[in-house]
Amino acid sequence: MKKRSQFQPSTALEDEQAHWQRTGEHCPANGWWVPANNDGGVYFITQGSIMPASGGAPIWWKPFTGRLERL
């Protein structure tokens, strides 16, 4: 079975942008992802999956570094 890595968030903006992924690229690590323009929800995407479009348009995705609230 393939070993999967968990995304480790960074603090520097340049480091953060280096981890951004575009629609159609393979997800580099399991984790929660949000649209880079913060227009949308938070999605769990698994490593190796294709990064999805949003509203039918390609977008940039960035790792979610906030806190998820339970409903």
Protein backbone atom coordinates (compact mmCIF):
# COMPACT_ATOMS: atom_id res chain seq x y z
CA MET A 1 0.00 0.00 0.00
CA LYS A 2 1.24 3.47 -0.85
CA LYS A 3 2.47 5.53 2.08
CA ARG A 4 0.58 8.83 2.32
CA SER A 5 1.96 11.93 3.93
CA GLN A 6 0.09 14.45 6.04
CA PHE A 7 0.51 18.08 5.02
CA GLN A 8 2.60 20.13 7.45
CA PRO A 9 1.53 23.81 7.30
CA SER A 10 4.18 26.53 7.26
CA THR A 11 4.06 30.12 8.48
CA ALA A 12 5.87 32.13 5.79
CA LEU A 13 3.73 33.40 2.89
CA GLU A 14 6.32 32.31 0.30
CA ASP A 15 6.39 28.81 1.76
CA GLU A 16 2.59 28.74 1.81
CA GLN A 17 2.29 29.77 -1.83
CA ALA A 18 4.81 27.09 -2.78
CA HIS A 19 2.22 24.52 -1.61
CA TRP A 20 -0.67 25.97 -3.64
CA GLN A 21 -2.10 23.63 -6.26
CA ARG A 22 -4.09 24.42 -9.39
CA THR A 23 -7.22 22.65 -10.62
CA GLY A 24 -6.19 19.54 -12.55
CA GLU A 25 -2.94 18.97 -10.63
CA HIS A 26 -2.48 16.01 -8.29
CA CYS A 27 -2.91 16.74 -4.58
CA PRO A 28 0.53 16.45 -2.91
CA ALA A 29 -0.73 15.42 0.56
CA ASN A 30 -3.86 14.46 2.49
CA GLY A 31 -5.46 17.44 4.13
CA TRP A 32 -8.02 20.20 4.22
CA TRP A 33 -7.85 22.61 1.27
CA VAL A 34 -9.60 25.92 0.48
CA PRO A 35 -9.78 28.05 -2.66
CA ALA A 36 -6.88 30.54 -2.59
CA ASN A 37 -9.31 33.43 -3.02
CA ASN A 38 -11.18 32.18 0.13
CA ASP A 39 -14.37 31.97 -1.94
CA GLY A 40 -15.89 28.66 -0.90
CA GLY A 41 -15.79 25.99 1.72
CA VAL A 42 -13.12 23.73 3.17
CA TYR A 43 -12.59 20.37 1.45
CA PHE A 44 -10.68 17.25 2.50
CA ILE A 45 -8.67 16.09 -0.52
CA THR A 46 -6.57 12.94 -0.46
CA GLN A 47 -3.04 12.64 -1.78
CA GLY A 48 -2.96 11.78 -5.47
CA SER A 49 -6.50 13.02 -6.16
CA ILE A 50 -7.03 15.59 -8.89
CA MET A 51 -7.62 19.08 -7.48
CA PRO A 52 -11.21 20.05 -8.41
CA ALA A 53 -12.64 23.10 -10.13
CA SER A 54 -14.90 25.54 -8.31
CA GLY A 55 -18.06 26.75 -9.99
CA GLY A 56 -16.90 25.15 -13.24
CA ALA A 57 -13.73 27.27 -13.40
CA PRO A 58 -10.10 26.36 -12.64
CA ILE A 59 -8.75 27.87 -9.42
CA TRP A 60 -5.75 27.80 -7.11
CA TRP A 61 -6.06 25.75 -3.91
CA LYS A 62 -4.15 26.34 -0.69
CA PRO A 63 -3.86 24.20 2.44
CA PHE A 64 -6.30 25.15 5.19
CA THR A 65 -4.41 26.27 8.29
CA GLY A 66 -7.32 27.45 10.42
CA ARG A 67 -9.45 25.60 12.93
CA LEU A 68 -12.48 23.51 11.98
CA GLU A 69 -15.54 23.95 14.16
CA ARG A 70 -17.89 21.08 15.02
CA LEU A 71 -21.53 21.59 14.22
